[in-house]
Structure formats: structure tokens, C-alpha cells
């Protein structure tokens, strides 16, 4: 996915890409791990604008569907991933080397730098998707998870571990429960 500066007209350029499993495996599989499985095409819709100073502004969205493991019950399920993109690329020659300049002073879109007359968009797309993949996905809001004693999936059936659980052991300070200090 290479964006060439000369292809961006004054009114902007509408970019639409569709990437498949090969792109997912090449750009995301190593970082995301085997817990994430490609399930649907990655649809990329971006609008590119270029300023007179050769700054490139991208807005749009990236959508796909990924199969994941529920962090409560460990069942596989599909989750839609929608990423909104607001990004600016500046020419590498514009990079500020001033020690007083702080990138946190910038407001607006995230930013990066490019060299030459083109920008490779694959790293941006991969980064945006990784930022929007849920860290602790759950298959549904009312997922009951696994029994901590026997491992039964509590969404499928109930277990009797909670009913037959032994009474909790009192802590090391339980002997102080009746302690009354002497006065005087």
C-alpha cells in the first residue's frame, strides 16, 4: 500500500484497499500472536490530503473481523474491529531537532515522517488495528467464565464446586479477634 504524493490532487484522494489473510499474517500475526485468527477482509477507506508544505493528512476507517479467545471462558468467538484513522505525515526534512520542542505540544492527529515522494501505509494500518483489538476480549457481557476449581465452562453448565467448597480458612490474625489490650 504505497501512496505517492504526485497522485494526491488538490481536492484530496479517496483510497480504498482490501487486504486478505496473507497481509494479516505478514503484518499482524507475529505481533498479535496465535490467539488472533483472520476471519474477514481488512477494508481500508482513507481520504488523503496534501498541504503546500508536502504534509499528508489521512482520515478514514479500517474495519475487519478477528477470531479471538474469550478471556473469561476461553471459547473462540469473532469480534469486529473498527479503527478510526486521523494521521499526519510530515517530510523527514521537517523533523524538529530543537531540544525544546516536545511532540506532546501538538494537538490533532497522530503523526509520523516520510522520506522521498511516497508513503508506505501498511505500518500505519497494522498499528491502528493493533491499537483497537480488545486487550481482554469477552464473548458476551454476561459471560460467566470458568469455575476456578474444576474448570467447567459456567456458560454451558453449572458445577457443584461452590456448594461443596470447604469453609474458608481464617487468616493468621484470626487469633487476635478477641484480643483486648490491658489498660494502664
N, C-alpha and C. Protein backbone atom coordinates (compact mmCIF):
# COMPACT_ATOMS: atom_id res chain seq x y z
N UNK A 1 0.84 -1.18 0.00
CA UNK A 1 0.00 0.00 0.00
C UNK A 1 0.89 1.24 0.00
N UNK A 2 1.25 1.67 -1.17
CA UNK A 2 2.11 2.84 -1.28
C UNK A 2 1.30 4.02 -1.81
N UNK A 3 1.41 5.13 -1.10
CA UNK A 3 0.74 6.37 -1.50
C UNK A 3 1.79 7.31 -2.08
N UNK A 4 1.64 7.66 -3.34
CA UNK A 4 2.58 8.58 -4.00
C UNK A 4 2.03 10.00 -3.92
N UNK A 5 2.90 10.94 -3.51
CA UNK A 5 2.49 12.33 -3.34
C UNK A 5 1.93 12.93 -4.63
N UNK A 6 2.53 12.62 -5.76
CA UNK A 6 2.08 13.21 -7.03
C UNK A 6 0.67 12.77 -7.41
N UNK A 7 0.17 11.67 -6.78
CA UNK A 7 -1.18 11.19 -7.09
C UNK A 7 -2.27 11.87 -6.26
N UNK A 8 -1.89 12.73 -5.32
CA UNK A 8 -2.87 13.38 -4.47
C UNK A 8 -3.25 14.72 -5.09
N UNK A 9 -4.47 14.85 -5.65
CA UNK A 9 -4.89 16.12 -6.23
C UNK A 9 -5.25 17.14 -5.13
N UNK A 10 -5.49 18.35 -5.55
CA UNK A 10 -5.79 19.43 -4.61
C UNK A 10 -7.02 19.13 -3.75
N UNK A 11 -8.03 18.50 -4.33
CA UNK A 11 -9.27 18.21 -3.59
C UNK A 11 -9.15 16.96 -2.72
N UNK A 12 -8.02 16.25 -2.78
CA UNK A 12 -7.81 15.06 -1.97
C UNK A 12 -7.97 13.80 -2.80
N UNK A 13 -7.58 12.69 -2.21
CA UNK A 13 -7.62 11.41 -2.90
C UNK A 13 -8.34 10.38 -2.03
N UNK A 14 -9.34 9.75 -2.61
CA UNK A 14 -10.11 8.72 -1.92
C UNK A 14 -9.40 7.38 -2.15
N UNK A 15 -8.93 6.76 -1.07
CA UNK A 15 -8.20 5.50 -1.16
C UNK A 15 -9.04 4.37 -0.58
N UNK A 16 -9.13 3.29 -1.33
CA UNK A 16 -9.85 2.11 -0.84
C UNK A 16 -8.99 0.89 -1.14
N UNK A 17 -8.69 0.15 -0.09
CA UNK A 17 -7.90 -1.07 -0.23
C UNK A 17 -8.65 -2.20 0.46
N UNK A 18 -8.41 -3.39 -0.01
CA UNK A 18 -8.93 -4.59 0.66
C UNK A 18 -7.77 -5.57 0.77
N UNK A 19 -7.44 -5.93 1.99
CA UNK A 19 -6.32 -6.84 2.23
C UNK A 19 -6.86 -8.16 2.78
N UNK A 20 -6.14 -9.22 2.50
CA UNK A 20 -6.58 -10.55 2.90
C UNK A 20 -5.70 -11.19 3.97
N UNK A 21 -5.83 -12.51 4.05
CA UNK A 21 -5.13 -13.29 5.06
C UNK A 21 -3.61 -13.16 4.95
N UNK A 22 -3.08 -13.11 3.73
CA UNK A 22 -1.64 -13.00 3.56
C UNK A 22 -1.10 -11.73 4.21
N UNK A 23 -1.80 -10.60 3.99
CA UNK A 23 -1.39 -9.33 4.58
C UNK A 23 -1.47 -9.42 6.10
N UNK A 24 -2.57 -10.00 6.61
CA UNK A 24 -2.75 -10.17 8.06
C UNK A 24 -1.59 -10.97 8.65
N UNK A 25 -1.28 -12.10 8.01
CA UNK A 25 -0.20 -12.96 8.51
C UNK A 25 1.15 -12.24 8.47
N UNK A 26 1.39 -11.46 7.42
CA UNK A 26 2.67 -10.77 7.26
C UNK A 26 2.84 -9.61 8.24
N UNK A 27 1.77 -8.86 8.51
CA UNK A 27 1.89 -7.64 9.31
C UNK A 27 1.39 -7.74 10.74
N UNK A 28 0.49 -8.68 11.03
CA UNK A 28 -0.11 -8.72 12.37
C UNK A 28 0.12 -10.00 13.14
N UNK A 29 0.25 -11.12 12.47
CA UNK A 29 0.28 -12.41 13.16
C UNK A 29 1.42 -12.50 14.16
N UNK A 30 2.59 -12.04 13.79
CA UNK A 30 3.74 -12.14 14.69
C UNK A 30 3.55 -11.28 15.94
N UNK A 31 2.99 -10.11 15.77
CA UNK A 31 2.79 -9.19 16.89
C UNK A 31 1.57 -9.58 17.72
N UNK A 32 0.47 -9.91 17.04
CA UNK A 32 -0.78 -10.22 17.74
C UNK A 32 -0.76 -11.60 18.38
N UNK A 33 -0.01 -12.53 17.82
CA UNK A 33 0.07 -13.87 18.39
C UNK A 33 -0.96 -14.82 17.80
N UNK A 34 -0.87 -16.06 18.21
CA UNK A 34 -1.75 -17.09 17.66
C UNK A 34 -3.16 -17.04 18.24
N UNK A 35 -3.38 -16.22 19.24
CA UNK A 35 -4.74 -16.10 19.80
C UNK A 35 -5.68 -15.36 18.85
N UNK A 36 -5.12 -14.66 17.86
CA UNK A 36 -5.92 -13.89 16.92
C UNK A 36 -5.89 -14.58 15.56
N UNK A 37 -7.07 -14.84 15.00
CA UNK A 37 -7.18 -15.53 13.73
C UNK A 37 -7.95 -14.65 12.75
N UNK A 38 -7.40 -14.49 11.55
CA UNK A 38 -8.04 -13.71 10.50
C UNK A 38 -9.37 -14.34 10.12
N UNK A 39 -10.45 -13.55 10.02
CA UNK A 39 -11.76 -14.08 9.65
C UNK A 39 -12.42 -13.33 8.50
N UNK A 40 -12.10 -12.05 8.29
CA UNK A 40 -12.75 -11.28 7.23
C UNK A 40 -11.75 -10.31 6.62
N UNK A 41 -12.03 -9.91 5.40
CA UNK A 41 -11.14 -8.98 4.69
C UNK A 41 -10.94 -7.71 5.51
N UNK A 42 -9.75 -7.15 5.40
CA UNK A 42 -9.43 -5.89 6.04
C UNK A 42 -9.79 -4.80 5.05
N UNK A 43 -10.81 -4.01 5.37
CA UNK A 43 -11.27 -2.95 4.48
C UNK A 43 -10.70 -1.62 4.95
N UNK A 44 -9.99 -0.96 4.06
CA UNK A 44 -9.32 0.29 4.39
C UNK A 44 -9.92 1.39 3.52
N UNK A 45 -10.45 2.43 4.15
CA UNK A 45 -11.00 3.57 3.42
C UNK A 45 -10.38 4.83 4.02
N UNK A 46 -9.54 5.48 3.23
CA UNK A 46 -8.84 6.67 3.70
C UNK A 46 -9.04 7.82 2.71
N UNK A 47 -9.05 9.02 3.23
CA UNK A 47 -9.06 10.22 2.41
C UNK A 47 -7.74 10.94 2.67
N UNK A 48 -6.95 11.14 1.60
CA UNK A 48 -5.63 11.76 1.72
C UNK A 48 -5.67 13.18 1.19
N UNK A 49 -5.11 14.10 1.96
CA UNK A 49 -4.95 15.49 1.55
C UNK A 49 -3.48 15.85 1.69
N UNK A 50 -3.03 16.76 0.83
CA UNK A 50 -1.64 17.20 0.88
C UNK A 50 -1.60 18.71 0.99
N UNK A 51 -0.75 19.20 1.86
CA UNK A 51 -0.58 20.65 2.00
C UNK A 51 0.52 21.13 1.06
N UNK A 52 0.65 22.42 0.94
CA UNK A 52 1.70 23.01 0.11
C UNK A 52 3.08 22.60 0.64
N UNK A 53 3.19 22.44 1.95
CA UNK A 53 4.47 22.06 2.57
C UNK A 53 4.74 20.56 2.48
N UNK A 54 3.95 19.85 1.69
CA UNK A 54 4.07 18.41 1.49
C UNK A 54 3.70 17.58 2.72
N UNK A 55 2.91 18.15 3.60
CA UNK A 55 2.36 17.36 4.70
C UNK A 55 1.19 16.56 4.15
N UNK A 56 1.06 15.33 4.60
CA UNK A 56 -0.03 14.47 4.14
C UNK A 56 -0.94 14.20 5.33
N UNK A 57 -2.23 14.43 5.14
CA UNK A 57 -3.22 14.20 6.19
C UNK A 57 -4.14 13.07 5.75
N UNK A 58 -4.28 12.06 6.60
CA UNK A 58 -5.13 10.91 6.31
C UNK A 58 -6.25 10.82 7.34
N UNK A 59 -7.47 10.65 6.85
CA UNK A 59 -8.61 10.38 7.73
C UNK A 59 -9.39 9.23 7.12
N UNK A 60 -10.07 8.48 7.95
CA UNK A 60 -10.87 7.38 7.43
C UNK A 60 -11.06 6.28 8.45
N UNK A 61 -11.25 5.07 7.94
CA UNK A 61 -11.50 3.94 8.84
C UNK A 61 -10.90 2.66 8.28
N UNK A 62 -10.65 1.74 9.19
CA UNK A 62 -10.16 0.41 8.86
C UNK A 62 -11.06 -0.57 9.60
N UNK A 63 -11.63 -1.53 8.91
CA UNK A 63 -12.53 -2.49 9.55
C UNK A 63 -12.15 -3.92 9.16
N UNK A 64 -12.38 -4.83 10.07
CA UNK A 64 -12.18 -6.25 9.82
C UNK A 64 -12.89 -7.04 10.91
N UNK A 65 -12.73 -8.33 10.88
CA UNK A 65 -13.27 -9.21 11.92
C UNK A 65 -12.19 -10.22 12.26
N UNK A 66 -11.96 -10.39 13.56
CA UNK A 66 -10.90 -11.29 14.03
C UNK A 66 -11.49 -12.28 15.03
N UNK A 67 -11.05 -13.53 14.92
CA UNK A 67 -11.46 -14.55 15.88
C UNK A 67 -10.48 -14.52 17.04
N UNK A 68 -11.03 -14.50 18.26
CA UNK A 68 -10.21 -14.39 19.46
C UNK A 68 -10.68 -15.39 20.51
N UNK A 69 -9.88 -15.53 21.56
CA UNK A 69 -10.27 -16.34 22.72
C UNK A 69 -10.89 -15.42 23.77
N UNK A 70 -12.02 -15.83 24.31
CA UNK A 70 -12.64 -15.07 25.39
C UNK A 70 -11.73 -15.14 26.61
N UNK A 71 -11.48 -14.02 27.24
CA UNK A 71 -10.57 -14.01 28.39
C UNK A 71 -11.22 -14.57 29.65
N UNK A 72 -12.52 -14.86 29.62
CA UNK A 72 -13.19 -15.45 30.78
C UNK A 72 -13.41 -16.95 30.63
N UNK A 73 -13.96 -17.37 29.47
CA UNK A 73 -14.32 -18.79 29.32
C UNK A 73 -13.42 -19.54 28.34
N UNK A 74 -12.50 -18.84 27.66
CA UNK A 74 -11.55 -19.41 26.72
C UNK A 74 -12.18 -20.02 25.47
N UNK A 75 -13.42 -19.65 25.17
CA UNK A 75 -14.08 -20.09 23.93
C UNK A 75 -13.72 -19.12 22.82
N UNK A 76 -13.61 -19.63 21.59
CA UNK A 76 -13.33 -18.77 20.44
C UNK A 76 -14.61 -18.04 20.01
N UNK A 77 -14.45 -16.78 19.59
CA UNK A 77 -15.58 -16.00 19.07
C UNK A 77 -15.02 -14.93 18.15
N UNK A 78 -15.88 -14.39 17.29
CA UNK A 78 -15.47 -13.35 16.35
C UNK A 78 -15.82 -11.98 16.91
N UNK A 79 -14.91 -11.04 16.72
CA UNK A 79 -15.12 -9.68 17.19
C UNK A 79 -14.85 -8.72 16.03
N UNK A 80 -15.77 -7.79 15.79
CA UNK A 80 -15.49 -6.78 14.76
C UNK A 80 -14.48 -5.77 15.29
N UNK A 81 -13.55 -5.36 14.45
CA UNK A 81 -12.55 -4.36 14.82
C UNK A 81 -12.73 -3.18 13.88
N UNK A 82 -13.02 -2.01 14.45
CA UNK A 82 -13.20 -0.79 13.68
C UNK A 82 -12.23 0.24 14.21
N UNK A 83 -11.40 0.75 13.34
CA UNK A 83 -10.39 1.73 13.74
C UNK A 83 -10.60 3.02 12.96
N UNK A 84 -10.74 4.12 13.68
CA UNK A 84 -10.83 5.44 13.04
C UNK A 84 -9.41 5.98 12.89
N UNK A 85 -9.11 6.51 11.72
CA UNK A 85 -7.76 6.99 11.43
C UNK A 85 -7.76 8.51 11.30
N UNK A 86 -6.86 9.15 12.01
CA UNK A 86 -6.58 10.58 11.91
C UNK A 86 -5.07 10.70 12.04
N UNK A 87 -4.38 10.81 10.91
CA UNK A 87 -2.93 10.71 10.93
C UNK A 87 -2.32 11.75 10.00
N UNK A 88 -1.18 12.26 10.37
CA UNK A 88 -0.45 13.23 9.55
C UNK A 88 0.97 12.73 9.32
N UNK A 89 1.43 12.80 8.09
CA UNK A 89 2.82 12.50 7.75
C UNK A 89 3.51 13.80 7.37
N UNK A 90 4.67 14.02 7.95
CA UNK A 90 5.49 15.19 7.63
C UNK A 90 6.74 14.71 6.92
N UNK A 91 7.30 15.54 6.02
CA UNK A 91 8.57 15.15 5.39
C UNK A 91 9.66 15.01 6.44
N UNK A 92 10.52 14.04 6.27
CA UNK A 92 11.62 13.79 7.21
C UNK A 92 12.46 15.06 7.41
N UNK A 93 12.57 15.87 6.36
CA UNK A 93 13.37 17.10 6.45
C UNK A 93 12.75 18.12 7.40
N UNK A 94 11.48 17.96 7.75
CA UNK A 94 10.79 18.89 8.65
C UNK A 94 10.92 18.50 10.12
N UNK A 95 11.56 17.36 10.37
CA UNK A 95 11.68 16.88 11.75
C UNK A 95 12.42 17.91 12.59
N UNK A 96 11.84 18.30 13.67
CA UNK A 96 12.45 19.31 14.55
C UNK A 96 13.54 18.65 15.39
N UNK A 97 14.70 19.26 15.39
CA UNK A 97 15.80 18.76 16.20
C UNK A 97 16.03 19.64 17.43
N UNK A 98 15.18 20.64 17.57
CA UNK A 98 15.29 21.57 18.68
C UNK A 98 14.99 20.82 19.99
N UNK A 99 15.86 20.96 20.96
CA UNK A 99 15.71 20.24 22.24
C UNK A 99 14.48 20.71 23.01
N UNK A 100 14.01 21.94 22.74
CA UNK A 100 12.86 22.46 23.47
C UNK A 100 11.54 22.01 22.88
N UNK A 101 11.56 21.45 21.67
CA UNK A 101 10.33 21.02 21.02
C UNK A 101 9.85 19.70 21.61
N UNK A 102 8.59 19.64 21.96
CA UNK A 102 8.02 18.45 22.56
C UNK A 102 6.84 17.98 21.71
N UNK A 103 6.85 16.73 21.20
CA UNK A 103 5.74 16.26 20.37
C UNK A 103 4.40 16.30 21.09
N UNK A 104 4.40 16.35 22.42
CA UNK A 104 3.15 16.42 23.17
C UNK A 104 2.47 17.77 23.00
N UNK A 105 3.23 18.77 22.49
CA UNK A 105 2.66 20.09 22.27
C UNK A 105 1.71 20.10 21.08
N UNK A 106 1.80 19.08 20.21
CA UNK A 106 0.94 19.03 19.04
C UNK A 106 -0.46 18.60 19.43
N UNK A 107 -1.43 19.24 18.82
CA UNK A 107 -2.82 18.81 19.01
C UNK A 107 -3.32 18.30 17.68
N UNK A 108 -4.25 17.41 17.70
CA UNK A 108 -4.81 16.90 16.45
C UNK A 108 -4.42 15.47 16.21
N UNK A 109 -4.18 15.14 14.93
CA UNK A 109 -3.93 13.73 14.59
C UNK A 109 -2.57 13.26 15.07
N UNK A 110 -2.43 11.94 15.12
CA UNK A 110 -1.12 11.34 15.37
C UNK A 110 -0.25 11.67 14.17
N UNK A 111 1.06 11.56 14.33
CA UNK A 111 1.91 11.92 13.21
C UNK A 111 3.12 11.02 13.08
N UNK A 112 3.65 11.03 11.87
CA UNK A 112 4.84 10.29 11.54
C UNK A 112 5.59 11.03 10.45
N UNK A 113 6.70 10.47 9.99
CA UNK A 113 7.53 11.11 8.99
C UNK A 113 7.70 10.18 7.80
N UNK A 114 7.99 10.79 6.64
CA UNK A 114 8.24 10.01 5.44
C UNK A 114 9.44 10.59 4.70
N UNK A 115 10.08 9.76 3.90
CA UNK A 115 11.21 10.15 3.05
C UNK A 115 10.78 10.01 1.60
N UNK A 116 11.28 10.87 0.74
CA UNK A 116 11.03 10.71 -0.69
C UNK A 116 9.69 11.24 -1.11
N UNK A 117 9.15 10.62 -2.15
CA UNK A 117 7.90 11.09 -2.76
C UNK A 117 6.75 10.11 -2.54
N UNK A 118 6.89 9.19 -1.59
CA UNK A 118 5.82 8.23 -1.33
C UNK A 118 5.81 7.83 0.14
N UNK A 119 4.67 7.28 0.55
CA UNK A 119 4.48 6.82 1.92
C UNK A 119 3.97 5.39 1.88
N UNK A 120 4.59 4.50 2.63
CA UNK A 120 4.11 3.12 2.78
C UNK A 120 3.06 3.12 3.89
N UNK A 121 1.84 2.72 3.56
CA UNK A 121 0.73 2.80 4.51
C UNK A 121 0.55 1.54 5.36
N UNK A 122 1.18 0.43 5.01
CA UNK A 122 0.99 -0.82 5.75
C UNK A 122 1.32 -0.71 7.24
N UNK A 123 2.44 -0.07 7.62
CA UNK A 123 2.71 0.05 9.06
C UNK A 123 1.63 0.84 9.81
N UNK A 124 1.09 1.88 9.18
CA UNK A 124 0.02 2.66 9.80
C UNK A 124 -1.23 1.81 10.00
N UNK A 125 -1.61 1.06 8.98
CA UNK A 125 -2.81 0.20 9.07
C UNK A 125 -2.63 -0.85 10.15
N UNK A 126 -1.46 -1.50 10.19
CA UNK A 126 -1.20 -2.52 11.21
C UNK A 126 -1.25 -1.91 12.60
N UNK A 127 -0.64 -0.75 12.79
CA UNK A 127 -0.63 -0.09 14.09
C UNK A 127 -2.04 0.27 14.55
N UNK A 128 -2.83 0.82 13.64
CA UNK A 128 -4.20 1.21 14.00
C UNK A 128 -5.04 0.00 14.40
N UNK A 129 -4.90 -1.10 13.66
CA UNK A 129 -5.65 -2.31 14.02
C UNK A 129 -5.21 -2.86 15.38
N UNK A 130 -3.90 -2.91 15.60
CA UNK A 130 -3.41 -3.43 16.88
C UNK A 130 -3.89 -2.58 18.06
N UNK A 131 -3.99 -1.27 17.86
CA UNK A 131 -4.46 -0.40 18.93
C UNK A 131 -5.93 -0.61 19.26
N UNK A 132 -6.70 -1.10 18.29
CA UNK A 132 -8.14 -1.26 18.51
C UNK A 132 -8.59 -2.69 18.75
N UNK A 133 -7.67 -3.64 18.75
CA UNK A 133 -8.03 -5.01 19.12
C UNK A 133 -8.19 -5.05 20.64
N UNK A 134 -9.30 -5.57 21.14
CA UNK A 134 -9.50 -5.60 22.60
C UNK A 134 -8.39 -6.38 23.31
N UNK A 135 -7.90 -5.83 24.41
CA UNK A 135 -6.83 -6.48 25.18
C UNK A 135 -7.36 -7.69 25.96
N UNK A 136 -8.55 -7.56 26.54
CA UNK A 136 -9.17 -8.64 27.30
C UNK A 136 -10.57 -8.87 26.73
N UNK A 137 -10.65 -9.54 25.58
CA UNK A 137 -11.95 -9.71 24.93
C UNK A 137 -12.85 -10.68 25.70
N UNK A 138 -14.13 -10.37 25.69
CA UNK A 138 -15.11 -11.30 26.27
C UNK A 138 -16.18 -11.58 25.21
N UNK A 139 -16.62 -12.83 25.18
CA UNK A 139 -17.55 -13.27 24.13
C UNK A 139 -18.91 -12.61 24.25
N UNK A 140 -19.31 -12.28 25.46
CA UNK A 140 -20.57 -11.56 25.69
C UNK A 140 -20.50 -10.93 27.08
N UNK A 141 -21.28 -9.91 27.29
CA UNK A 141 -21.23 -9.16 28.55
C UNK A 141 -21.52 -10.03 29.77
N UNK A 142 -22.42 -11.00 29.63
CA UNK A 142 -22.79 -11.82 30.78
C UNK A 142 -22.01 -13.15 30.83
N UNK A 143 -20.84 -13.20 30.19
CA UNK A 143 -20.02 -14.42 30.23
C UNK A 143 -19.66 -14.73 31.68
N UNK A 144 -19.93 -15.98 32.09
CA UNK A 144 -19.69 -16.38 33.48
C UNK A 144 -18.31 -16.98 33.68
N UNK A 145 -17.60 -17.29 32.59
CA UNK A 145 -16.23 -17.78 32.70
C UNK A 145 -16.14 -19.24 33.09
N UNK A 146 -14.99 -19.59 33.65
CA UNK A 146 -14.71 -20.96 34.08
C UNK A 146 -14.74 -21.06 35.59
N UNK A 147 -15.13 -22.23 36.09
CA UNK A 147 -15.08 -22.48 37.53
C UNK A 147 -13.60 -22.53 37.93
N UNK A 148 -13.21 -21.78 38.94
CA UNK A 148 -11.80 -21.77 39.33
C UNK A 148 -11.32 -23.08 39.96
N UNK A 149 -12.26 -23.94 40.36
CA UNK A 149 -11.86 -25.20 40.98
C UNK A 149 -11.81 -26.35 39.98
N UNK A 150 -12.86 -26.53 39.18
CA UNK A 150 -12.90 -27.69 38.28
C UNK A 150 -12.72 -27.33 36.81
N UNK A 151 -12.80 -26.04 36.45
CA UNK A 151 -12.59 -25.62 35.07
C UNK A 151 -13.80 -25.74 34.16
N UNK A 152 -14.97 -26.05 34.71
CA UNK A 152 -16.18 -26.16 33.91
C UNK A 152 -16.55 -24.80 33.33
N UNK A 153 -16.94 -24.79 32.06
CA UNK A 153 -17.43 -23.55 31.44
C UNK A 153 -18.82 -23.28 32.02
N UNK A 154 -18.93 -22.26 32.83
CA UNK A 154 -20.18 -21.96 33.54
C UNK A 154 -21.26 -21.40 32.61
N UNK A 155 -20.92 -21.08 31.36
CA UNK A 155 -21.93 -20.68 30.39
C UNK A 155 -22.69 -21.88 29.86
N UNK A 156 -22.05 -23.06 29.89
CA UNK A 156 -22.65 -24.28 29.35
C UNK A 156 -23.40 -25.09 30.40
N UNK A 157 -22.82 -25.18 31.60
CA UNK A 157 -23.49 -25.92 32.67
C UNK A 157 -22.98 -25.46 34.02
N UNK A 158 -23.78 -25.71 35.02
CA UNK A 158 -23.40 -25.34 36.38
C UNK A 158 -22.56 -26.47 36.98
N UNK A 159 -21.71 -26.11 37.91
CA UNK A 159 -20.96 -27.14 38.63
C UNK A 159 -21.35 -27.04 40.11
N UNK A 160 -20.95 -28.01 40.87
CA UNK A 160 -21.32 -28.05 42.29
C UNK A 160 -20.14 -27.72 43.19
N UNK A 161 -19.10 -27.18 42.63
CA UNK A 161 -17.90 -26.85 43.42
C UNK A 161 -18.21 -25.79 44.48
N UNK A 162 -18.97 -24.78 44.14
CA UNK A 162 -19.27 -23.70 45.08
C UNK A 162 -20.10 -24.23 46.25
N UNK A 163 -20.98 -25.20 45.97
CA UNK A 163 -21.82 -25.75 47.03
C UNK A 163 -21.03 -26.64 47.97
N UNK A 164 -20.05 -27.37 47.44
CA UNK A 164 -19.30 -28.30 48.27
C UNK A 164 -17.95 -27.73 48.71
N UNK A 165 -17.73 -26.46 48.48
CA UNK A 165 -16.45 -25.85 48.85
C UNK A 165 -16.30 -25.83 50.37
N UNK A 166 -15.11 -26.11 50.86
CA UNK A 166 -14.89 -26.07 52.31
C UNK A 166 -14.99 -24.63 52.82
N UNK A 167 -15.25 -24.52 54.10
CA UNK A 167 -15.32 -23.18 54.69
C UNK A 167 -13.94 -22.55 54.60
N UNK A 168 -13.88 -21.28 54.37
CA UNK A 168 -12.57 -20.64 54.20
C UNK A 168 -11.77 -20.69 55.49
N UNK A 169 -10.49 -20.86 55.33
CA UNK A 169 -9.57 -20.88 56.46
C UNK A 169 -9.37 -19.45 56.92
N UNK A 170 -9.39 -19.26 58.24
CA UNK A 170 -9.20 -17.91 58.73
C UNK A 170 -7.75 -17.52 58.61
N UNK A 171 -7.50 -16.24 58.48
CA UNK A 171 -6.15 -15.72 58.28
C UNK A 171 -5.28 -15.83 59.52
N UNK A 172 -4.01 -15.47 59.42
CA UNK A 172 -3.07 -15.60 60.53
C UNK A 172 -3.38 -14.67 61.71
N UNK A 173 -4.19 -13.66 61.49
CA UNK A 173 -4.52 -12.73 62.57
C UNK A 173 -5.86 -13.05 63.24
N UNK A 174 -6.44 -14.19 62.89
CA UNK A 174 -7.74 -14.55 63.46
C UNK A 174 -7.67 -14.76 64.97
N UNK A 175 -6.50 -15.12 65.48
CA UNK A 175 -6.36 -15.32 66.93
C UNK A 175 -6.45 -14.00 67.70
N UNK A 176 -6.26 -12.91 67.01
CA UNK A 176 -6.33 -11.59 67.65
C UNK A 176 -7.75 -11.05 67.71
N UNK A 177 -8.70 -11.81 67.18
CA UNK A 177 -10.08 -11.35 67.11
C UNK A 177 -10.64 -10.98 68.49
N UNK A 178 -10.35 -11.75 69.49
CA UNK A 178 -10.87 -11.49 70.84
C UNK A 178 -9.88 -10.76 71.74
N UNK A 179 -8.78 -10.32 71.22
CA UNK A 179 -7.73 -9.68 71.99
C UNK A 179 -8.17 -8.30 72.48
N UNK A 180 -7.97 -8.09 73.81
CA UNK A 180 -8.25 -6.78 74.41
C UNK A 180 -7.02 -6.36 75.18
N UNK A 181 -6.44 -5.23 74.81
CA UNK A 181 -5.22 -4.80 75.50
C UNK A 181 -5.51 -4.38 76.94
N UNK A 182 -4.51 -4.55 77.80
CA UNK A 182 -4.65 -4.14 79.21
C UNK A 182 -4.51 -2.64 79.29
N UNK A 183 -5.28 -2.08 80.19
CA UNK A 183 -5.21 -0.63 80.39
C UNK A 183 -4.23 -0.36 81.52
N UNK A 184 -3.49 0.72 81.32
CA UNK A 184 -2.67 1.20 82.40
C UNK A 184 -1.34 0.76 82.49
